[in-house]
């Protein structure tokens, strides 16, 4: 676990430009394959989800994302247990049914594949929370302490926190 925290924190340090929140158009589920032959579909919330064969294979929708956003996706897949304990404050709990900051980037990790969610590509709040959490984990803070800090930073003036359940 320490190896993953160190790797994720190293990724965080190399951060880039901030993305802005937004919603994808449409709410009908659509299926198609990307250039890598991986499966993509749009869920009811309008988020695009893409399935890849491993944590190391990032989704094709990150090909046009900023470095900072890509780093947040890498942190999420390397630190799922920690980010599942951290709420998101962009309102995605209500609009997209997310349970934690982790779901802004990853819908599910299965034994042999990852279901990525593109919500984080359009939301600077999600990205900032994930990168802040990864950085604090590297410093040795616990997920509970990180959650307290995130609650303090985003408790007022932002969306309702995700339910964490």
C-alpha atoms as a PDB file:
ATOM      1  CA  UNK A   1       0.000   0.000   0.000  1.00  0.00           C
ATOM      2  CA  UNK A   2       2.840   2.406   0.822  1.00  0.00           C
ATOM      3  CA  UNK A   3       4.241   1.807  -2.667  1.00  0.00           C
ATOM      4  CA  UNK A   4       0.927   2.860  -4.211  1.00  0.00           C
ATOM      5  CA  UNK A   5       0.655   5.930  -1.964  1.00  0.00           C
ATOM      6  CA  UNK A   6       4.190   6.986  -2.890  1.00  0.00           C
ATOM      7  CA  UNK A   7       3.471   6.425  -6.595  1.00  0.00           C
ATOM      8  CA  UNK A   8       0.181   8.329  -6.440  1.00  0.00           C
ATOM      9  CA  UNK A   9       1.792  11.167  -4.531  1.00  0.00           C
ATOM     10  CA  UNK A  10       4.582  11.359  -7.107  1.00  0.00           C
ATOM     11  CA  UNK A  11       1.909  11.609  -9.778  1.00  0.00           C
ATOM     12  CA  UNK A  12       0.200  14.422  -7.852  1.00  0.00           C
ATOM     13  CA  UNK A  13       3.364  16.491  -7.651  1.00  0.00           C
ATOM     14  CA  UNK A  14       3.551  16.646 -11.445  1.00  0.00           C
ATOM     15  CA  UNK A  15       0.068  18.340 -11.674  1.00  0.00           C
ATOM     16  CA  UNK A  16      -1.171  20.555 -14.552  1.00  0.00           C
ATOM     17  CA  UNK A  17      -4.241  22.629 -15.442  1.00  0.00           C
ATOM     18  CA  UNK A  18      -7.676  22.592 -13.758  1.00  0.00           C
ATOM     19  CA  UNK A  19     -10.824  21.232 -15.441  1.00  0.00           C
ATOM     20  CA  UNK A  20     -14.262  22.794 -14.935  1.00  0.00           C
ATOM     21  CA  UNK A  21     -17.441  21.005 -13.838  1.00  0.00           C
ATOM     22  CA  UNK A  22     -20.089  20.257 -16.382  1.00  0.00           C
ATOM     23  CA  UNK A  23     -22.488  17.571 -17.499  1.00  0.00           C
ATOM     24  CA  UNK A  24     -22.319  15.518 -20.651  1.00  0.00           C
ATOM     25  CA  UNK A  25     -25.236  15.976 -22.991  1.00  0.00           C
ATOM     26  CA  UNK A  26     -27.837  13.283 -23.253  1.00  0.00           C
ATOM     27  CA  UNK A  27     -29.058  10.622 -20.913  1.00  0.00           C
ATOM     28  CA  UNK A  28     -29.683   7.639 -23.155  1.00  0.00           C
ATOM     29  CA  UNK A  29     -27.357   4.705 -22.758  1.00  0.00           C
ATOM     30  CA  UNK A  30     -25.208   4.224 -25.861  1.00  0.00           C
ATOM     31  CA  UNK A  31     -22.619   1.528 -26.518  1.00  0.00           C
ATOM     32  CA  UNK A  32     -19.610   1.684 -28.836  1.00  0.00           C
ATOM     33  CA  UNK A  33     -15.956   0.739 -28.962  1.00  0.00           C
ATOM     34  CA  UNK A  34     -13.082   3.220 -28.862  1.00  0.00           C
ATOM     35  CA  UNK A  35      -9.913   3.091 -30.952  1.00  0.00           C
ATOM     36  CA  UNK A  36      -8.386   0.605 -28.513  1.00  0.00           C
ATOM     37  CA  UNK A  37     -11.348  -1.746 -28.865  1.00  0.00           C
ATOM     38  CA  UNK A  38     -12.453  -1.098 -25.288  1.00  0.00           C
ATOM     39  CA  UNK A  39     -16.131  -0.812 -24.400  1.00  0.00           C
ATOM     40  CA  UNK A  40     -17.705   2.606 -23.760  1.00  0.00           C
ATOM     41  CA  UNK A  41     -21.251   3.595 -22.826  1.00  0.00           C
ATOM     42  CA  UNK A  42     -23.149   6.636 -21.578  1.00  0.00           C
ATOM     43  CA  UNK A  43     -25.039   6.129 -18.319  1.00  0.00           C
ATOM     44  CA  UNK A  44     -28.289   7.828 -17.281  1.00  0.00           C
ATOM     45  CA  UNK A  45     -26.429  10.727 -15.614  1.00  0.00           C
ATOM     46  CA  UNK A  46     -24.788  11.555 -18.952  1.00  0.00           C
ATOM     47  CA  UNK A  47     -21.351  10.379 -17.845  1.00  0.00           C
ATOM     48  CA  UNK A  48     -19.326   8.328 -20.296  1.00  0.00           C
ATOM     49  CA  UNK A  49     -17.981   5.105 -18.856  1.00  0.00           C
ATOM     50  CA  UNK A  50     -15.221   3.077 -20.474  1.00  0.00           C
ATOM     51  CA  UNK A  51     -14.015  -0.402 -19.562  1.00  0.00           C
ATOM     52  CA  UNK A  52     -10.301  -1.189 -19.814  1.00  0.00           C
ATOM     53  CA  UNK A  53      -8.492  -4.427 -19.130  1.00  0.00           C
ATOM     54  CA  UNK A  54      -6.365  -3.161 -16.235  1.00  0.00           C
ATOM     55  CA  UNK A  55      -5.536  -0.304 -13.852  1.00  0.00           C
ATOM     56  CA  UNK A  56      -2.523   0.492 -16.026  1.00  0.00           C
ATOM     57  CA  UNK A  57      -4.665   1.042 -19.141  1.00  0.00           C
ATOM     58  CA  UNK A  58      -6.207   4.498 -18.864  1.00  0.00           C
ATOM     59  CA  UNK A  59      -9.451   5.281 -20.691  1.00  0.00           C
ATOM     60  CA  UNK A  60      -9.244   6.857 -24.134  1.00  0.00           C
ATOM     61  CA  UNK A  61     -11.235   9.909 -23.004  1.00  0.00           C
ATOM     62  CA  UNK A  62      -8.121  10.998 -21.087  1.00  0.00           C
ATOM     63  CA  UNK A  63      -6.251  11.407 -24.390  1.00  0.00           C
ATOM     64  CA  UNK A  64      -7.479  15.016 -24.515  1.00  0.00           C
ATOM     65  CA  UNK A  65      -7.472  15.694 -20.753  1.00  0.00           C
ATOM     66  CA  UNK A  66      -5.025  17.923 -18.904  1.00  0.00           C
ATOM     67  CA  UNK A  67      -2.089  16.377 -17.098  1.00  0.00           C
ATOM     68  CA  UNK A  68      -3.645  17.345 -13.750  1.00  0.00           C
ATOM     69  CA  UNK A  69      -6.855  15.515 -14.609  1.00  0.00           C
ATOM     70  CA  UNK A  70      -4.945  12.435 -15.751  1.00  0.00           C
ATOM     71  CA  UNK A  71      -2.998  12.477 -12.484  1.00  0.00           C
ATOM     72  CA  UNK A  72      -6.261  12.493 -10.522  1.00  0.00           C
ATOM     73  CA  UNK A  73      -7.459   9.419 -12.462  1.00  0.00           C
ATOM     74  CA  UNK A  74      -4.180   7.642 -11.747  1.00  0.00           C
ATOM     75  CA  UNK A  75      -4.426   8.534  -8.048  1.00  0.00           C
ATOM     76  CA  UNK A  76      -8.014   7.246  -7.904  1.00  0.00           C
ATOM     77  CA  UNK A  77      -7.180   3.856  -9.379  1.00  0.00           C
ATOM     78  CA  UNK A  78      -4.095   3.463  -7.158  1.00  0.00           C
ATOM     79  CA  UNK A  79      -5.814   4.610  -3.937  1.00  0.00           C
ATOM     80  CA  UNK A  80      -9.389   3.300  -4.169  1.00  0.00           C
ATOM     81  CA  UNK A  81      -9.787   2.434  -0.483  1.00  0.00           C
ATOM     82  CA  UNK A  82      -8.731   5.918   0.597  1.00  0.00           C
ATOM     83  CA  UNK A  83     -10.792   7.882  -1.952  1.00  0.00           C
ATOM     84  CA  UNK A  84     -13.871   5.768  -1.157  1.00  0.00           C
ATOM     85  CA  UNK A  85     -13.689   7.366   2.316  1.00  0.00           C
ATOM     86  CA  UNK A  86     -13.514  10.928   0.945  1.00  0.00           C
ATOM     87  CA  UNK A  87     -16.685  12.755  -0.106  1.00  0.00           C
ATOM     88  CA  UNK A  88     -17.005  14.843  -3.239  1.00  0.00           C
ATOM     89  CA  UNK A  89     -18.641  18.258  -2.988  1.00  0.00           C
ATOM     90  CA  UNK A  90     -19.505  19.036  -6.625  1.00  0.00           C
ATOM     91  CA  UNK A  91     -23.073  17.732  -6.310  1.00  0.00           C
ATOM     92  CA  UNK A  92     -22.410  14.463  -8.137  1.00  0.00           C
ATOM     93  CA  UNK A  93     -24.005  12.440  -5.362  1.00  0.00           C
ATOM     94  CA  UNK A  94     -27.372  13.876  -6.323  1.00  0.00           C
ATOM     95  CA  UNK A  95     -26.853  14.256 -10.078  1.00  0.00           C
ATOM     96  CA  UNK A  96     -24.825  11.128 -10.873  1.00  0.00           C
ATOM     97  CA  UNK A  97     -25.421   8.870  -7.872  1.00  0.00           C
ATOM     98  CA  UNK A  98     -21.770   8.879  -6.842  1.00  0.00           C
ATOM     99  CA  UNK A  99     -20.964   7.565  -3.359  1.00  0.00           C
ATOM    100  CA  UNK A 100     -17.497   9.136  -2.925  1.00  0.00           C
ATOM    101  CA  UNK A 101     -14.769  11.091  -4.704  1.00  0.00           C
ATOM    102  CA  UNK A 102     -13.505   7.767  -6.084  1.00  0.00           C
ATOM    103  CA  UNK A 103     -16.670   7.434  -8.229  1.00  0.00           C
ATOM    104  CA  UNK A 104     -15.893  10.696 -10.024  1.00  0.00           C
ATOM    105  CA  UNK A 105     -13.121   8.757 -11.767  1.00  0.00           C
ATOM    106  CA  UNK A 106     -13.868   5.045 -11.414  1.00  0.00           C
ATOM    107  CA  UNK A 107     -17.282   3.397 -11.344  1.00  0.00           C
ATOM    108  CA  UNK A 108     -15.911  -0.027 -10.439  1.00  0.00           C
ATOM    109  CA  UNK A 109     -12.728  -2.063 -10.250  1.00  0.00           C
ATOM    110  CA  UNK A 110     -13.291  -5.687 -11.166  1.00  0.00           C
ATOM    111  CA  UNK A 111     -10.803  -8.549 -10.967  1.00  0.00           C
ATOM    112  CA  UNK A 112      -9.737  -8.225 -14.594  1.00  0.00           C
ATOM    113  CA  UNK A 113     -10.929  -4.751 -15.633  1.00  0.00           C
ATOM    114  CA  UNK A 114     -11.678  -1.171 -14.605  1.00  0.00           C
ATOM    115  CA  UNK A 115     -14.873   0.727 -15.376  1.00  0.00           C
ATOM    116  CA  UNK A 116     -13.743   4.367 -15.682  1.00  0.00           C
ATOM    117  CA  UNK A 117     -16.151   7.338 -15.437  1.00  0.00           C
ATOM    118  CA  UNK A 118     -15.460  10.576 -17.309  1.00  0.00           C
ATOM    119  CA  UNK A 119     -17.155  12.836 -14.734  1.00  0.00           C
ATOM    120  CA  UNK A 120     -13.777  13.932 -13.349  1.00  0.00           C
ATOM    121  CA  UNK A 121     -12.694  15.207 -16.767  1.00  0.00           C
ATOM    122  CA  UNK A 122     -15.267  17.988 -16.454  1.00  0.00           C
ATOM    123  CA  UNK A 123     -14.960  18.852 -12.780  1.00  0.00           C
ATOM    124  CA  UNK A 124     -12.154  20.754 -11.099  1.00  0.00           C
ATOM    125  CA  UNK A 125     -13.657  20.163  -7.653  1.00  0.00           C
ATOM    126  CA  UNK A 126     -13.411  16.383  -8.111  1.00  0.00           C
ATOM    127  CA  UNK A 127      -9.840  16.649  -9.393  1.00  0.00           C
ATOM    128  CA  UNK A 128      -8.734  18.986  -6.601  1.00  0.00           C
ATOM    129  CA  UNK A 129     -10.207  16.763  -3.885  1.00  0.00           C
ATOM    130  CA  UNK A 130      -8.552  13.621  -5.294  1.00  0.00           C
ATOM    131  CA  UNK A 131      -5.158  15.287  -5.659  1.00  0.00           C
ATOM    132  CA  UNK A 132      -5.365  16.907  -2.210  1.00  0.00           C
ATOM    133  CA  UNK A 133      -6.235  13.525  -0.680  1.00  0.00           C
ATOM    134  CA  UNK A 134      -3.342  11.797  -2.478  1.00  0.00           C
ATOM    135  CA  UNK A 135      -0.913  14.489  -1.365  1.00  0.00           C
ATOM    136  CA  UNK A 136      -2.060  14.252   2.260  1.00  0.00           C
ATOM    137  CA  UNK A 137      -1.810  10.448   2.161  1.00  0.00           C
ATOM    138  CA  UNK A 138       1.800  10.827   1.055  1.00  0.00           C
ATOM    139  CA  UNK A 139       2.387  13.082   4.059  1.00  0.00           C
ATOM    140  CA  UNK A 140       1.113  10.257   6.280  1.00  0.00           C
ATOM    141  CA  UNK A 141      -2.350  11.573   7.116  1.00  0.00           C
ATOM    142  CA  UNK A 142      -5.140   9.072   7.623  1.00  0.00           C
ATOM    143  CA  UNK A 143      -8.254   8.968   5.421  1.00  0.00           C
ATOM    144  CA  UNK A 144     -10.299  10.092   8.465  1.00  0.00           C
ATOM    145  CA  UNK A 145      -8.086  13.157   8.953  1.00  0.00           C
ATOM    146  CA  UNK A 146      -8.193  13.895   5.238  1.00  0.00           C
ATOM    147  CA  UNK A 147     -11.962  13.625   5.226  1.00  0.00           C
ATOM    148  CA  UNK A 148     -12.165  16.139   8.100  1.00  0.00           C
ATOM    149  CA  UNK A 149      -9.995  18.580   6.155  1.00  0.00           C
ATOM    150  CA  UNK A 150     -12.003  18.123   2.935  1.00  0.00           C
ATOM    151  CA  UNK A 151     -15.250  18.619   4.889  1.00  0.00           C
ATOM    152  CA  UNK A 152     -13.818  21.828   6.343  1.00  0.00           C
ATOM    153  CA  UNK A 153     -12.572  23.138   2.981  1.00  0.00           C
ATOM    154  CA  UNK A 154     -15.703  22.311   0.975  1.00  0.00           C
ATOM    155  CA  UNK A 155     -18.444  22.303   3.640  1.00  0.00           C
ATOM    156  CA  UNK A 156     -19.827  25.706   2.663  1.00  0.00           C
ATOM    157  CA  UNK A 157     -20.476  27.151  -0.774  1.00  0.00           C
ATOM    158  CA  UNK A 158     -20.243  23.856  -2.646  1.00  0.00           C
ATOM    159  CA  UNK A 159     -22.659  21.019  -3.457  1.00  0.00           C
ATOM    160  CA  UNK A 160     -23.945  18.428  -1.043  1.00  0.00           C
ATOM    161  CA  UNK A 161     -21.279  15.862  -0.142  1.00  0.00           C
ATOM    162  CA  UNK A 162     -21.572  12.368  -1.550  1.00  0.00           C
ATOM    163  CA  UNK A 163     -23.136   9.937   0.952  1.00  0.00           C
ATOM    164  CA  UNK A 164     -20.122   7.579   1.348  1.00  0.00           C
ATOM    165  CA  UNK A 165     -22.318   4.510   1.512  1.00  0.00           C
END
